Protein backbone atom coordinates (compact mmCIF):
# COMPACT_ATOMS: atom_id res chain seq x y z
CA MET A 1 4.44 226.62 121.48
CA THR A 2 5.20 229.90 119.62
CA THR A 3 2.76 231.77 117.50
CA ASN A 4 4.58 231.01 114.35
CA ARG A 5 4.57 227.42 115.08
CA ILE A 6 0.89 227.44 115.74
CA ALA A 7 0.19 229.39 112.60
CA ALA A 8 2.34 226.79 110.67
CA LEU A 9 0.44 224.01 112.28
CA LEU A 10 -2.96 225.68 111.35
CA LYS A 11 -1.95 226.11 107.66
CA GLU A 12 -0.79 222.36 107.59
CA GLU A 13 -4.04 221.34 109.14
CA GLU A 14 -6.00 223.34 106.35
CA LYS A 15 -4.23 221.22 103.69
CA THR A 16 -4.55 217.86 105.39
CA PRO A 17 -7.39 217.71 107.93
CA VAL A 18 -7.10 215.08 110.57
CA LYS A 19 -10.03 212.80 110.69
CA GLY A 20 -12.62 213.76 113.40
CA THR A 21 -11.38 217.32 113.74
CA ALA A 22 -14.77 219.00 112.71
CA ILE A 23 -15.84 222.05 114.68
CA LEU A 24 -18.48 221.03 117.27
CA VAL A 25 -21.52 223.33 116.82
CA THR A 26 -24.73 222.99 118.70
CA PRO A 27 -27.92 223.44 116.68
CA ARG A 28 -29.15 226.45 118.55
CA PRO A 29 -28.41 228.33 121.79
CA MET A 30 -30.09 227.07 124.77
CA SER A 31 -30.71 228.70 128.21
CA GLY A 32 -31.90 227.67 131.56
CA PRO A 33 -32.68 224.14 132.60
CA ARG A 34 -32.34 222.73 129.16
CA ARG A 35 -28.72 224.08 128.80
CA PHE A 36 -28.00 222.47 132.14
CA VAL A 37 -29.39 219.14 131.11
CA ALA A 38 -27.61 219.29 127.79
CA ALA A 39 -24.24 220.08 129.53
CA VAL A 40 -24.74 217.13 131.82
CA GLY A 41 -25.52 214.91 128.77
CA TYR A 42 -22.27 216.13 127.12
CA ALA A 43 -20.37 215.35 130.27
CA LEU A 44 -21.89 211.87 130.44
CA GLN A 45 -20.95 211.20 126.82
CA GLY A 46 -17.41 212.10 127.74
CA LEU A 47 -17.34 209.65 130.59
CA GLU A 48 -18.91 206.96 128.45
CA ASP A 49 -16.27 207.73 125.72
CA ALA A 50 -13.45 207.51 128.24
CA TRP A 51 -14.80 204.21 129.68
CA LEU A 52 -15.19 202.49 126.20
CA THR A 53 -11.70 203.54 124.79
CA GLN A 54 -9.36 204.01 127.80
CA PRO A 55 -8.43 200.82 129.71
CA ASN A 56 -6.73 202.78 132.49
CA ILE A 57 -9.85 204.50 133.37
CA ARG A 58 -11.54 201.05 133.81
CA ILE A 59 -8.63 199.77 135.94
CA HIS A 60 -8.95 202.70 138.19
CA VAL A 61 -12.71 202.37 138.50
CA TYR A 62 -12.43 198.77 139.33
CA ALA A 63 -9.74 199.59 141.85
CA GLY A 64 -11.99 202.10 143.41
CA SER A 65 -14.87 199.83 143.61
CA ALA A 66 -12.71 197.21 145.31
CA LEU A 67 -11.55 199.77 147.89
CA THR A 68 -15.22 200.73 148.45
CA VAL A 69 -16.10 197.08 149.10
CA LEU A 70 -13.10 196.79 151.51
CA GLY A 71 -14.27 199.93 153.15
CA PHE A 72 -17.71 198.51 153.99
CA VAL A 73 -15.90 195.32 155.22
CA CYS A 74 -13.72 197.30 157.48
CA ARG A 75 -16.58 199.57 158.60
CA LEU A 76 -14.68 202.75 158.00
CA ALA A 77 -15.61 205.85 159.97
CA LEU A 78 -17.11 208.96 158.14
CA SER A 79 -13.66 210.81 158.16
CA GLU A 80 -11.99 207.71 156.62
CA TRP A 81 -14.63 207.46 153.94
CA LEU A 82 -14.03 211.15 152.98
CA TRP A 83 -10.38 210.28 152.40
CA VAL A 84 -11.05 207.17 150.49
CA CYS A 85 -13.41 208.91 148.27
CA PHE A 86 -11.06 211.82 147.75
CA ALA A 87 -8.15 209.31 146.84
CA ILE A 88 -10.52 207.47 144.29
CA GLY A 89 -11.72 210.52 142.97
CA ILE A 90 -8.56 212.31 142.34
CA VAL A 91 -6.92 209.23 140.56
CA ILE A 92 -10.05 209.12 138.22
CA PHE A 93 -9.96 212.95 137.68
CA ALA A 94 -6.27 212.85 136.86
CA GLU A 95 -6.81 209.93 134.53
CA LEU A 96 -9.56 211.81 132.67
CA MET A 97 -7.59 214.95 132.47
CA ASN A 98 -4.53 212.92 131.15
CA THR A 99 -6.93 211.39 128.44
CA ALA A 100 -8.27 214.79 127.45
CA ILE A 101 -4.69 216.34 127.29
CA GLU A 102 -3.47 213.33 125.11
CA HIS A 103 -6.42 213.80 122.70
CA ALA A 104 -5.86 217.59 122.46
CA VAL A 105 -2.12 216.96 121.63
CA ASP A 106 -3.05 214.35 119.04
CA LEU A 107 -5.57 216.75 117.45
CA VAL A 108 -2.85 219.38 117.08
CA VAL A 109 0.06 217.31 115.90
CA GLY A 110 -1.79 214.41 114.23
CA GLN A 111 0.54 211.47 113.25
CA ARG A 112 3.70 213.70 113.11
CA ILE A 113 6.36 212.79 115.77
CA ASP A 114 6.85 215.92 117.89
CA PRO A 115 9.27 216.02 120.96
CA LEU A 116 7.29 218.77 122.79
CA ALA A 117 4.05 216.60 122.27
CA ARG A 118 5.68 213.74 123.89
CA ARG A 119 6.80 215.83 126.73
CA ILE A 120 3.33 217.19 127.24
CA LYS A 121 2.03 213.66 127.22
CA ASP A 122 4.63 212.32 129.68
CA ILE A 123 3.92 215.17 132.04
CA ALA A 124 0.19 214.49 131.96
CA ALA A 125 0.90 210.75 132.50
CA GLY A 126 3.17 211.70 135.31
CA SER A 127 0.15 213.71 137.00
CA VAL A 128 -1.73 210.39 136.98
CA LEU A 129 1.10 208.67 138.60
CA CYS A 130 1.38 211.33 141.30
CA ALA A 131 -2.38 210.94 141.95
CA ALA A 132 -2.13 207.26 142.12
CA LEU A 133 0.88 207.41 144.65
CA LEU A 134 -0.97 209.83 146.76
CA ALA A 135 -3.99 207.56 146.77
CA ALA A 136 -1.91 204.57 147.77
CA VAL A 137 -0.36 206.64 150.75
CA ILE A 138 -4.01 207.47 151.84
CA GLU A 139 -5.34 204.07 151.44
CA THR A 140 -2.37 202.44 153.34
CA VAL A 141 -2.93 204.93 156.29
CA ILE A 142 -6.58 204.33 156.33
CA PHE A 143 -6.71 200.51 155.93
CA LEU A 144 -3.50 199.39 157.54
CA PRO A 145 -4.78 199.94 161.08
CA HIS A 146 -8.06 197.98 160.31
CA PHE A 147 -6.09 194.96 159.29
CA PHE A 148 -4.05 195.10 162.54
CA ARG A 149 -6.92 195.53 164.78
CA GLY A 150 -8.70 192.59 163.42
């Protein structure tokens, strides 16, 4: 996005602010353990917001939970658990990042149709697809031998 285009968007936003675009300001600067606790609280709030508003996050968490149960049934080795946890985590991470990118793009373009915004969102969604395909390969390599061994 060029500087002129950003400047034009900012001028447009000043005229018609998008609902929910207020600047987030903390009451006063914090330091030490209180700052860490506050940061964890904000992160947990973000996870809660994603859980409540994004059906795909819930699908990925349910699938990860099912794979975890399957891992206990198959009595996975420690190294297998590491790969399974990595696969589950990378998909959930990608979905959270996709959600954040989509919200950021929506914040900038609002209700307008913008081909660049669509491309950005499609690329972000593609990253989730890549993560899910990687996870499927990892899970297949891990679980398939357990099914054939009995």
